[in-house]
Amino acid sequence: MKRGHTRRPIRRTALLTGCVLTLYGLTSLAGAARAAPDRTAERATADRRAAAIPALPHEIPADVTVQAFVTPEGGRLRFLVRAPLEAMRDIEFPRYGLGYLALEAAGPFLVDAAQLWLADYVTFFEEDRRLAPPRIIATRISLPSDRSFASYATALAHFDDPPLDPGLQLPWRQALLDVLLEYDIESDESRFSIDPAFAHLGLRTVTVLRLRPPDRPERVFQYVGDPGLVRLDPRWHQAALRFVSLGFTHILDGIDHLLFLLCLVIPLRTLWGLVPVITSFTIAHSITLIASAFGIAPRALWFPPLIETLIALSIVYMALENILGAKPRKRWLLAFGFGLVHGFGFSFALSESLQFAGGHLLTSLLAFNVGVELGQLVVVAVAAPAVELLFRKVVAERMGTIIGSALLAHTGWHWMTDRGSDLLAYRFTWPAFDGALAAALMRWGALALIVVGAAWAISGPFGKLAAKAKGGGRTAPAE
């Protein structure tokens, strides 16, 4: 019996030590473990294409810009695309002298480049039906100074222009490849989708895609890398599903948001304790997220680093409060205040994706928010029982709260100082008082009224729930 009793403390101490080291490792690496690039857009055919392409003799370009037009006309869909010739790395274009492109001999190579590097990496859908592979109607070389892709009409007419002078000394790395592809379609009134995969053209590929539907205004998309399936004119439920997924993945990829949620969970692990805190956080960030989408947030360059610094500060503050003793009656109010800041942070991730909402802006905003809430629920549903089990089996609640919160505060402090240094690099100047500033102040005043009204509306019921949570005795000693 004595022997068993001596082993039990040793096992508990070893388990406690392992848990502390694991938590420290996770929080120390959190700053570096920012969201990894999404690789879900990689195609199953990518391996086949890679095997078919010989070893690359040229370096991968650092920055590549692709310009494209999508235009359904009658029974065909035209896809005009322009890309740098140096991005077609596996093809040895005929050259002479100091690397000048042999324009007369380059014709057959242009068709191969258009097929291997462009046509094979884009897929179109009419409604939900995949279109057959395209026909390469025309290819040509253009100068870097050529501006024909400024509009669809000039880009299309450019293919009928005379070719460049064969005697022109054009360095092949400066040449542009223009390609005209055509797809057979059933009707130009259909809804089309595109699945482009041009990220392979460079280390960083920016695509500017213009859709010209018949009898409707032109729409412009701009994105980096491979966006996956893009519905050019989505229905409301298609936009909603896309943005629910976007919100869900964003909260799971946002390490700083996850650590803030963990700060909320550590001292409050019961239903009555978590409901007012998580709900007030949700209401607050929903207000600022929607406000930002409608242009109320400042557009100054210093605003994003300010918000990122404040998000790190929220982790430090909540972690220190956990150490000193969380106050359940005020916890929901703190979550509401910091939720306003986190909402602006969510808006930065959403702003570039709203171009894929089509005509369903409000639906997409609400769907993104739903995705964020679903992600939060998953995190809380996993974290709360895990922390409760840790406090029951491994370490006393008070000691565990102090150790875990100290590690969170350590990570948040490093983020805050790093982001604060970036913020100080910007120069803040007071704007001139004019009509634009007056209108902005009126919008901010309206936002402030909404915030105050929301806080007042939830103060009564959330105060009662917080009091009930305190009575439940599941929080760290506070007062």
Protein backbone atom coordinates (compact mmCIF):
# COMPACT_ATOMS: atom_id res chain seq x y z
CA MET A 1 0.00 0.00 0.00
CA LYS A 2 2.72 2.44 0.88
CA ARG A 3 4.48 1.67 -2.34
CA GLY A 4 1.32 2.44 -4.34
CA HIS A 5 0.83 5.67 -2.44
CA THR A 6 4.33 6.85 -3.27
CA ARG A 7 3.86 6.16 -6.98
CA ARG A 8 0.60 8.09 -7.28
CA PRO A 9 2.09 11.54 -6.48
CA ILE A 10 4.99 10.79 -8.81
CA ARG A 11 2.62 9.91 -11.66
CA ARG A 12 0.51 12.99 -11.00
CA THR A 13 3.61 15.20 -10.90
CA ALA A 14 4.89 13.73 -14.17
CA LEU A 15 1.51 14.20 -15.84
CA LEU A 16 1.30 17.79 -14.59
CA THR A 17 4.81 18.51 -15.87
CA GLY A 18 3.96 17.08 -19.30
CA CYS A 19 0.76 19.15 -19.56
CA VAL A 20 2.58 22.36 -18.60
CA LEU A 21 5.38 21.76 -21.11
CA THR A 22 2.85 20.95 -23.85
CA LEU A 23 0.84 24.12 -23.19
CA TYR A 24 4.02 26.20 -23.10
CA GLY A 25 5.15 24.75 -26.40
CA LEU A 26 1.82 25.45 -28.05
CA THR A 27 1.66 29.05 -26.87
CA SER A 28 5.30 29.75 -27.72
CA LEU A 29 4.79 28.49 -31.25
CA ALA A 30 1.44 30.24 -31.69
CA GLY A 31 3.04 33.43 -32.98
CA ALA A 32 4.74 31.52 -35.76
CA ALA A 33 1.81 29.20 -36.44
CA ARG A 34 -0.24 31.69 -38.37
CA ALA A 35 -2.80 30.38 -40.83
CA ALA A 36 -1.11 28.11 -43.32
CA PRO A 37 -2.05 28.59 -46.96
CA ASP A 38 -5.13 26.69 -47.92
CA ARG A 39 -4.17 23.77 -50.19
CA THR A 40 -7.66 22.40 -50.76
CA ALA A 41 -7.80 24.00 -54.19
CA GLU A 42 -5.09 21.67 -55.52
CA ARG A 43 -6.51 19.49 -58.23
CA ALA A 44 -6.35 15.73 -58.45
CA THR A 45 -4.89 16.23 -61.92
CA ALA A 46 -2.01 18.30 -60.57
CA ASP A 47 0.14 15.22 -60.04
CA ARG A 48 -0.55 14.06 -63.57
CA ARG A 49 0.38 17.44 -65.01
CA ALA A 50 3.52 17.66 -62.93
CA ALA A 51 4.61 14.25 -64.19
CA ALA A 52 3.96 15.28 -67.78
CA ILE A 53 6.04 18.47 -67.52
CA PRO A 54 9.82 18.08 -67.77
CA ALA A 55 12.29 19.52 -65.28
CA LEU A 56 12.07 23.30 -65.04
CA PRO A 57 15.10 24.97 -66.59
CA HIS A 58 14.14 28.49 -65.47
CA GLU A 59 13.58 30.13 -62.13
CA ILE A 60 10.05 30.63 -60.87
CA PRO A 61 9.09 34.31 -61.21
CA ALA A 62 8.55 36.05 -57.87
CA ASP A 63 5.48 38.09 -58.87
CA VAL A 64 3.13 37.28 -61.73
CA THR A 65 0.02 39.20 -62.79
CA VAL A 66 -2.64 37.48 -64.89
CA GLN A 67 -5.36 39.48 -66.64
CA ALA A 68 -8.48 37.74 -67.93
CA PHE A 69 -11.94 38.40 -69.38
CA VAL A 70 -14.91 36.01 -69.25
CA THR A 71 -17.70 36.78 -71.72
CA PRO A 72 -20.61 34.48 -72.66
CA GLU A 73 -21.92 35.30 -76.13
CA GLY A 74 -24.61 33.18 -77.74
CA GLY A 75 -23.47 29.58 -77.82
CA ARG A 76 -19.89 30.21 -76.80
CA LEU A 77 -17.96 31.51 -73.83
CA ARG A 78 -14.85 33.51 -74.57
CA PHE A 79 -11.94 33.50 -72.15
CA LEU A 80 -9.21 36.03 -72.90
CA VAL A 81 -6.10 35.73 -70.75
CA ARG A 82 -2.74 37.49 -70.61
CA ALA A 83 0.27 36.19 -68.65
CA PRO A 84 4.03 36.78 -68.69
CA LEU A 85 5.92 34.52 -71.06
CA GLU A 86 8.62 33.83 -68.46
CA ALA A 87 6.00 32.04 -66.32
CA MET A 88 5.87 29.24 -68.95
CA ARG A 89 9.00 27.71 -67.49
CA ASP A 90 9.26 24.29 -69.11
CA ILE A 91 9.23 25.56 -72.69
CA GLU A 92 12.44 26.69 -74.38
CA PHE A 93 11.24 29.50 -76.61
CA PRO A 94 13.49 30.22 -79.62
CA ARG A 95 15.91 33.00 -78.76
CA TYR A 96 18.88 34.73 -80.30
CA GLY A 97 21.56 37.19 -79.31
CA LEU A 98 21.30 38.43 -75.73
CA GLY A 99 18.11 36.53 -74.97
CA TYR A 100 15.85 38.18 -77.55
CA LEU A 101 12.71 36.27 -78.52
CA ALA A 102 12.70 34.93 -82.12
CA LEU A 103 9.19 36.15 -82.94
CA GLU A 104 8.79 34.37 -86.28
CA ALA A 105 9.81 30.96 -84.91
CA ALA A 106 7.88 31.27 -81.66
CA GLY A 107 4.38 30.57 -83.07
CA PRO A 108 4.11 26.79 -82.40
CA PHE A 109 5.66 27.22 -78.96
CA LEU A 110 2.98 29.74 -78.01
CA VAL A 111 0.21 27.20 -78.63
CA ASP A 112 1.99 24.64 -76.46
CA ALA A 113 2.49 27.20 -73.71
CA ALA A 114 -1.16 28.26 -73.85
CA GLN A 115 -2.30 24.65 -73.54
CA LEU A 116 0.14 23.41 -70.89
CA TRP A 117 0.21 26.45 -68.62
CA LEU A 118 -3.18 28.13 -69.05
CA ALA A 119 -5.92 26.05 -70.70
CA ASP A 120 -5.09 22.92 -68.69
CA TYR A 121 -5.31 24.86 -65.42
CA VAL A 122 -8.76 26.39 -65.72
CA THR A 123 -12.19 24.73 -65.61
CA PHE A 124 -15.54 26.33 -66.39
CA PHE A 125 -19.01 25.22 -65.31
CA GLU A 126 -22.37 26.17 -66.81
CA GLU A 127 -24.80 25.91 -63.89
CA ASP A 128 -23.39 22.67 -62.39
CA ARG A 129 -22.25 21.09 -65.67
CA ARG A 130 -18.57 21.04 -66.43
CA LEU A 131 -17.76 22.46 -69.84
CA ALA A 132 -15.70 20.55 -72.37
CA PRO A 133 -12.04 21.57 -72.85
CA PRO A 134 -11.64 24.81 -74.79
CA ARG A 135 -10.42 25.54 -78.28
CA ILE A 136 -7.35 27.73 -78.62
CA ILE A 137 -8.53 30.29 -81.14
CA ALA A 138 -5.54 32.63 -81.17
CA THR A 139 -2.23 33.34 -79.47
CA ARG A 140 0.12 36.27 -79.82
CA ILE A 141 3.06 38.04 -78.21
CA SER A 142 2.61 41.54 -76.80
CA LEU A 143 4.96 44.17 -75.48
CA PRO A 144 5.01 44.94 -71.74
CA SER A 145 3.83 48.46 -72.60
CA ASP A 146 0.72 47.18 -74.44
CA ARG A 147 -2.55 48.41 -72.87
CA SER A 148 -5.05 46.49 -74.96
CA PHE A 149 -6.28 44.46 -71.95
CA ALA A 150 -7.68 47.61 -70.36
CA SER A 151 -11.10 46.60 -71.74
CA TYR A 152 -12.70 43.56 -73.31
CA ALA A 153 -13.30 45.29 -76.66
CA THR A 154 -9.68 46.37 -77.09
CA ALA A 155 -8.36 43.00 -75.86
CA LEU A 156 -10.49 41.10 -78.38
CA ALA A 157 -9.57 43.47 -81.21
CA HIS A 158 -5.91 43.09 -80.30
CA PHE A 159 -5.89 39.53 -81.65
CA ASP A 160 -6.68 40.93 -85.12
CA ASP A 161 -3.82 43.44 -85.00
CA PRO A 162 -0.74 42.75 -87.12
CA PRO A 163 1.92 40.70 -85.31
CA LEU A 164 4.99 42.36 -83.92
CA ASP A 165 7.84 43.20 -86.29
CA PRO A 166 10.03 40.07 -86.57
CA GLY A 167 13.12 42.27 -86.30
CA LEU A 168 12.04 43.69 -82.94
CA GLN A 169 14.58 42.96 -80.23
CA LEU A 170 12.27 41.88 -77.39
CA PRO A 171 13.86 40.18 -74.34
CA TRP A 172 11.88 37.01 -73.85
CA ARG A 173 11.46 37.64 -70.13
CA GLN A 174 9.60 40.87 -70.89
CA ALA A 175 7.19 39.40 -73.41
CA LEU A 176 3.50 38.83 -72.66
CA LEU A 177 1.47 35.90 -73.96
CA ASP A 178 -2.12 36.67 -74.99
CA VAL A 179 -4.50 33.74 -75.52
CA LEU A 180 -8.09 33.55 -76.76
CA LEU A 181 -9.99 30.42 -75.65
CA GLU A 182 -13.56 29.46 -76.54
CA TYR A 183 -15.92 27.04 -74.78
CA ASP A 184 -19.20 25.67 -76.12
CA ILE A 185 -22.19 26.61 -73.92
CA GLU A 186 -25.96 26.15 -74.08
CA SER A 187 -26.99 29.72 -73.26
CA ASP A 188 -25.28 32.97 -72.39
CA GLU A 189 -28.03 33.54 -69.79
CA SER A 190 -26.78 30.64 -67.67
CA ARG A 191 -24.89 31.06 -64.42
CA PHE A 192 -21.21 30.28 -64.84
CA SER A 193 -18.47 29.25 -62.44
CA ILE A 194 -14.72 29.15 -62.90
CA ASP A 195 -12.09 27.09 -61.13
CA PRO A 196 -8.75 28.74 -62.00
CA ALA A 197 -5.44 27.35 -60.78
CA PHE A 198 -2.85 29.86 -61.94
CA ALA A 199 -0.87 30.00 -58.70
CA HIS A 200 1.75 27.72 -60.27
CA LEU A 201 2.82 30.53 -62.60
CA GLY A 202 4.82 32.35 -59.90
CA LEU A 203 5.69 32.47 -56.24
CA ARG A 204 2.92 35.04 -55.87
CA THR A 205 0.28 35.16 -58.59
CA VAL A 206 -2.31 37.93 -58.70
CA THR A 207 -5.24 37.42 -61.06
CA VAL A 208 -7.55 40.20 -62.22
CA LEU A 209 -10.65 38.57 -63.68
CA ARG A 210 -13.44 40.55 -65.36
CA LEU A 211 -16.87 39.06 -66.04
CA ARG A 212 -18.98 40.64 -68.80
CA PRO A 213 -22.45 39.05 -68.65
CA PRO A 214 -24.88 40.07 -71.40
CA ASP A 215 -26.94 43.19 -70.63
CA ARG A 216 -25.43 43.53 -67.14
CA PRO A 217 -22.60 45.61 -65.66
CA GLU A 218 -19.08 44.24 -65.67
CA ARG A 219 -17.86 42.66 -62.44
CA VAL A 220 -14.21 42.57 -61.41
CA PHE A 221 -12.52 39.92 -59.25
CA GLN A 222 -8.99 40.20 -57.90
CA TYR A 223 -7.38 37.47 -55.85
CA VAL A 224 -4.00 35.97 -54.95
CA GLY A 225 -3.19 32.34 -55.65
CA ASP A 226 -5.92 29.80 -56.36
CA PRO A 227 -9.35 30.79 -55.02
CA GLY A 228 -11.01 27.45 -55.67
CA LEU A 229 -14.41 27.34 -57.34
CA VAL A 230 -15.65 30.90 -57.98
CA ARG A 231 -19.31 31.29 -58.81
CA LEU A 232 -19.38 34.34 -61.04
CA ASP A 233 -23.06 35.02 -60.36
CA PRO A 234 -23.96 32.95 -57.27
CA ARG A 235 -27.43 32.27 -55.95
CA TRP A 236 -28.08 33.33 -52.37
CA HIS A 237 -27.66 29.85 -50.89
CA GLN A 238 -24.42 29.30 -52.80
CA ALA A 239 -23.00 32.56 -51.45
CA ALA A 240 -24.21 31.65 -47.95
CA LEU A 241 -22.51 28.24 -47.99
CA ARG A 242 -19.24 29.75 -49.20
CA PHE A 243 -19.18 32.37 -46.46
CA VAL A 244 -20.25 30.00 -43.68
CA SER A 245 -17.25 27.85 -44.62
CA LEU A 246 -15.02 30.93 -44.79
CA GLY A 247 -16.07 32.11 -41.32
CA PHE A 248 -15.66 28.65 -39.80
CA THR A 249 -12.14 28.18 -41.17
CA HIS A 250 -11.14 31.73 -40.27
CA ILE A 251 -11.88 31.34 -36.56
CA LEU A 252 -10.06 28.00 -36.47
CA ASP A 253 -7.04 29.45 -38.29
CA GLY A 254 -6.93 32.63 -36.18
CA ILE A 255 -4.55 31.72 -33.35
CA ASP A 256 -5.05 35.04 -31.55
CA HIS A 257 -8.84 34.64 -31.55
CA LEU A 258 -8.50 31.09 -30.24
CA LEU A 259 -6.24 32.16 -27.40
CA PHE A 260 -8.70 34.88 -26.43
CA LEU A 261 -11.49 32.29 -26.31
CA LEU A 262 -9.28 30.09 -24.15
CA CYS A 263 -8.81 33.03 -21.74
CA LEU A 264 -12.60 33.21 -21.48
CA VAL A 265 -13.02 29.48 -20.94
CA ILE A 266 -10.38 28.87 -18.25
CA PRO A 267 -12.27 30.42 -15.29
CA LEU A 268 -15.81 29.79 -16.64
CA ARG A 269 -16.60 26.23 -17.65
CA THR A 270 -20.31 25.84 -16.89
CA LEU A 271 -23.16 26.54 -19.27
CA TRP A 272 -24.45 29.45 -17.20
CA GLY A 273 -20.97 30.93 -16.99
CA LEU A 274 -20.15 30.65 -20.69
CA VAL A 275 -23.48 31.69 -22.26
CA PRO A 276 -23.40 35.39 -21.31
CA VAL A 277 -19.69 35.75 -22.03
CA ILE A 278 -19.63 34.01 -25.44
CA THR A 279 -22.93 35.57 -26.52
CA SER A 280 -21.86 39.12 -25.63
CA PHE A 281 -18.59 38.55 -27.49
CA THR A 282 -20.59 37.33 -30.49
CA ILE A 283 -22.98 40.29 -30.47
CA ALA A 284 -20.14 42.79 -30.20
CA HIS A 285 -17.98 41.44 -33.01
CA SER A 286 -21.05 41.05 -35.22
CA ILE A 287 -21.76 44.79 -34.86
CA THR A 288 -18.29 45.94 -35.88
CA LEU A 289 -17.96 43.26 -38.58
CA ILE A 290 -21.12 44.41 -40.34
CA ALA A 291 -20.24 48.06 -39.79
CA SER A 292 -16.84 47.55 -41.42
CA ALA A 293 -18.40 45.81 -44.42
CA PHE A 294 -20.54 48.91 -45.00
CA GLY A 295 -17.54 51.24 -44.90
CA ILE A 296 -17.73 52.68 -41.38
CA ALA A 297 -14.25 51.53 -40.30
CA PRO A 298 -11.34 53.93 -40.96
CA ARG A 299 -9.44 53.27 -44.15
CA ALA A 300 -6.12 54.64 -42.86
CA LEU A 301 -3.06 52.41 -43.11
CA TRP A 302 -2.51 52.57 -39.34
CA PHE A 303 -5.92 51.11 -38.49
CA PRO A 304 -5.24 47.37 -39.17
CA PRO A 305 -2.01 47.30 -37.07
CA LEU A 306 -3.85 49.19 -34.32
CA ILE A 307 -6.58 46.54 -34.23
CA GLU A 308 -4.04 43.70 -34.28
CA THR A 309 -2.23 45.32 -31.34
CA LEU A 310 -5.47 45.70 -29.40
CA ILE A 311 -6.37 42.05 -30.06
CA ALA A 312 -3.06 41.01 -28.50
CA LEU A 313 -3.77 43.38 -25.61
CA SER A 314 -7.13 41.68 -25.06
CA ILE A 315 -5.34 38.35 -24.53
CA VAL A 316 -2.90 39.89 -22.05
CA TYR A 317 -5.64 41.65 -20.10
CA MET A 318 -7.97 38.67 -19.83
CA ALA A 319 -5.10 36.36 -18.89
CA LEU A 320 -3.96 38.73 -16.13
CA GLU A 321 -7.52 38.99 -14.85
CA ASN A 322 -7.66 35.21 -14.67
CA ILE A 323 -4.51 35.25 -12.54
CA LEU A 324 -5.77 37.96 -10.20
CA GLY A 325 -9.25 36.46 -10.04
CA ALA A 326 -12.00 36.67 -12.66
CA LYS A 327 -15.14 38.59 -11.73
CA PRO A 328 -18.16 36.78 -13.23
CA ARG A 329 -20.48 39.79 -12.95
CA LYS A 330 -18.21 41.89 -15.17
CA ARG A 331 -16.87 39.17 -17.43
CA TRP A 332 -19.57 39.53 -20.06
CA LEU A 333 -18.96 43.29 -20.26
CA LEU A 334 -15.25 42.80 -20.89
CA ALA A 335 -16.02 40.19 -23.54
CA PHE A 336 -18.41 42.66 -25.17
CA GLY A 337 -15.81 45.45 -25.23
CA PHE A 338 -13.04 43.29 -26.65
CA GLY A 339 -15.52 41.70 -29.06
CA LEU A 340 -15.87 45.09 -30.76
CA VAL A 341 -12.12 45.02 -31.43
CA HIS A 342 -12.11 41.41 -32.66
CA GLY A 343 -14.97 42.23 -35.05
CA PHE A 344 -12.74 44.72 -36.87
CA GLY A 345 -10.10 41.98 -37.05
CA PHE A 346 -12.60 39.59 -38.63
CA SER A 347 -13.50 42.26 -41.19
CA PHE A 348 -9.94 42.37 -42.52
CA ALA A 349 -10.20 38.71 -43.52
CA LEU A 350 -13.67 39.22 -44.96
CA SER A 351 -13.01 42.35 -47.02
CA GLU A 352 -11.13 40.59 -49.84
CA SER A 353 -13.72 37.81 -50.04
CA LEU A 354 -16.83 39.97 -50.38
CA GLN A 355 -16.15 40.23 -54.11
CA PHE A 356 -17.38 36.63 -54.34
CA ALA A 357 -20.74 37.47 -52.74
CA GLY A 358 -22.34 38.54 -56.00
CA GLY A 359 -25.50 40.51 -55.27
CA HIS A 360 -25.93 38.94 -51.82
CA LEU A 361 -23.83 41.20 -49.60
CA LEU A 362 -25.98 41.08 -46.47
CA THR A 363 -26.59 37.34 -46.82
CA SER A 364 -22.86 36.74 -47.12
CA LEU A 365 -22.12 38.90 -44.07
CA LEU A 366 -24.61 37.01 -41.94
CA ALA A 367 -23.37 33.67 -43.28
CA PHE A 368 -19.76 34.57 -42.44
CA ASN A 369 -20.86 35.48 -38.94
CA VAL A 370 -22.70 32.17 -38.60
CA GLY A 371 -19.53 30.35 -39.64
CA VAL A 372 -17.53 32.24 -37.02
CA GLU A 373 -20.07 31.32 -34.33
CA LEU A 374 -20.03 27.66 -35.34
CA GLY A 375 -16.26 27.69 -35.07
CA GLN A 376 -16.45 29.31 -31.65
CA LEU A 377 -18.91 26.71 -30.44
CA VAL A 378 -16.61 23.90 -31.58
CA VAL A 379 -13.65 25.49 -29.79
CA VAL A 380 -15.58 26.08 -26.57
CA ALA A 381 -17.17 22.61 -26.68
CA VAL A 382 -13.70 21.05 -26.83
CA ALA A 383 -11.80 23.47 -24.57
CA ALA A 384 -14.22 23.68 -21.64
CA PRO A 385 -14.37 19.91 -20.89
CA ALA A 386 -10.63 19.60 -21.49
CA VAL A 387 -9.82 22.34 -18.98
CA GLU A 388 -12.33 20.90 -16.50
CA LEU A 389 -10.74 17.44 -16.79
CA LEU A 390 -7.27 18.95 -16.38
CA PHE A 391 -8.30 20.72 -13.17
CA ARG A 392 -9.93 17.59 -11.76
CA LYS A 393 -7.27 15.02 -12.58
CA VAL A 394 -3.96 16.83 -12.93
CA VAL A 395 -3.68 20.16 -11.16
CA ALA A 396 -5.68 22.18 -8.68
CA GLU A 397 -7.99 24.73 -10.28
CA ARG A 398 -6.30 27.80 -8.86
CA MET A 399 -2.79 26.66 -9.72
CA GLY A 400 -3.85 25.53 -13.20
CA THR A 401 -5.56 28.87 -13.85
CA ILE A 402 -2.42 30.76 -12.89
CA ILE A 403 -0.05 28.60 -14.94
CA GLY A 404 -2.24 28.47 -18.06
CA SER A 405 -3.08 32.18 -17.95
CA ALA A 406 0.58 33.10 -17.42
CA LEU A 407 1.54 31.22 -20.58
CA LEU A 408 -1.26 32.93 -22.53
CA ALA A 409 -0.22 36.32 -21.20
CA HIS A 410 3.38 35.59 -22.21
CA THR A 411 2.35 34.90 -25.81
CA GLY A 412 -0.03 37.85 -25.96
CA TRP A 413 2.64 40.17 -24.58
CA HIS A 414 5.12 39.25 -27.31
CA TRP A 415 2.45 39.77 -29.97
CA MET A 416 1.49 43.10 -28.46
CA THR A 417 5.03 44.44 -28.42
CA ASP A 418 5.79 43.22 -31.94
CA ARG A 419 2.57 44.62 -33.38
CA GLY A 420 2.96 47.81 -31.38
CA SER A 421 6.36 48.34 -32.99
CA ASP A 422 4.78 47.98 -36.42
CA LEU A 423 2.06 50.43 -35.43
CA LEU A 424 4.57 53.06 -34.34
CA ALA A 425 6.11 52.96 -37.82
CA TYR A 426 2.99 54.70 -39.18
CA ARG A 427 2.51 58.44 -38.89
CA PHE A 428 -0.87 59.58 -37.67
CA THR A 429 -2.09 62.95 -38.93
CA TRP A 430 -5.31 64.62 -37.96
CA PRO A 431 -7.66 64.87 -40.92
CA ALA A 432 -8.89 68.20 -42.14
CA PHE A 433 -12.37 69.06 -40.95
CA ASP A 434 -14.49 68.97 -44.06
CA GLY A 435 -17.69 67.38 -45.32
CA ALA A 436 -16.14 63.92 -45.59
CA LEU A 437 -14.93 64.02 -41.97
CA ALA A 438 -18.30 65.29 -40.77
CA ALA A 439 -20.07 62.42 -42.56
CA ALA A 440 -17.60 59.91 -41.05
CA LEU A 441 -18.18 61.31 -37.56
CA MET A 442 -21.93 60.96 -38.05
CA ARG A 443 -21.50 57.30 -39.06
CA TRP A 444 -19.28 56.64 -36.04
CA GLY A 445 -21.84 58.37 -33.84
CA ALA A 446 -24.55 56.09 -35.19
CA LEU A 447 -22.32 53.07 -34.56
CA ALA A 448 -21.68 54.24 -30.99
CA LEU A 449 -25.43 54.49 -30.38
CA ILE A 450 -25.91 50.94 -31.67
CA VAL A 451 -23.14 49.67 -29.41
CA VAL A 452 -24.52 51.43 -26.33
CA GLY A 453 -28.05 50.23 -27.12
CA ALA A 454 -26.91 46.63 -27.55
CA ALA A 455 -24.95 46.71 -24.28
CA TRP A 456 -27.93 48.14 -22.43
CA ALA A 457 -30.31 45.56 -23.92
CA ILE A 458 -28.21 42.57 -22.82
CA SER A 459 -27.08 43.97 -19.46
CA GLY A 460 -30.17 42.78 -17.58
CA PRO A 461 -30.39 39.12 -18.62
CA PHE A 462 -26.63 38.66 -18.84
CA GLY A 463 -26.15 40.15 -15.38
CA LYS A 464 -28.58 37.60 -13.96
CA LEU A 465 -26.86 34.73 -15.77
CA ALA A 466 -23.48 35.94 -14.51
CA ALA A 467 -24.80 36.03 -10.95
CA LYS A 468 -26.13 32.49 -11.38
CA ALA A 469 -22.74 31.38 -12.68
CA LYS A 470 -21.06 32.89 -9.64
CA GLY A 471 -23.44 31.07 -7.39
CA GLY A 472 -22.53 27.83 -9.14
CA GLY A 473 -19.04 28.09 -7.75
CA ARG A 474 -17.23 27.11 -10.96
CA THR A 475 -15.01 30.18 -11.23
CA ALA A 476 -11.68 30.97 -9.70
CA PRO A 477 -11.78 32.90 -6.41
CA ALA A 478 -12.27 36.50 -7.34
CA GLU A 479 -13.66 38.91 -4.84
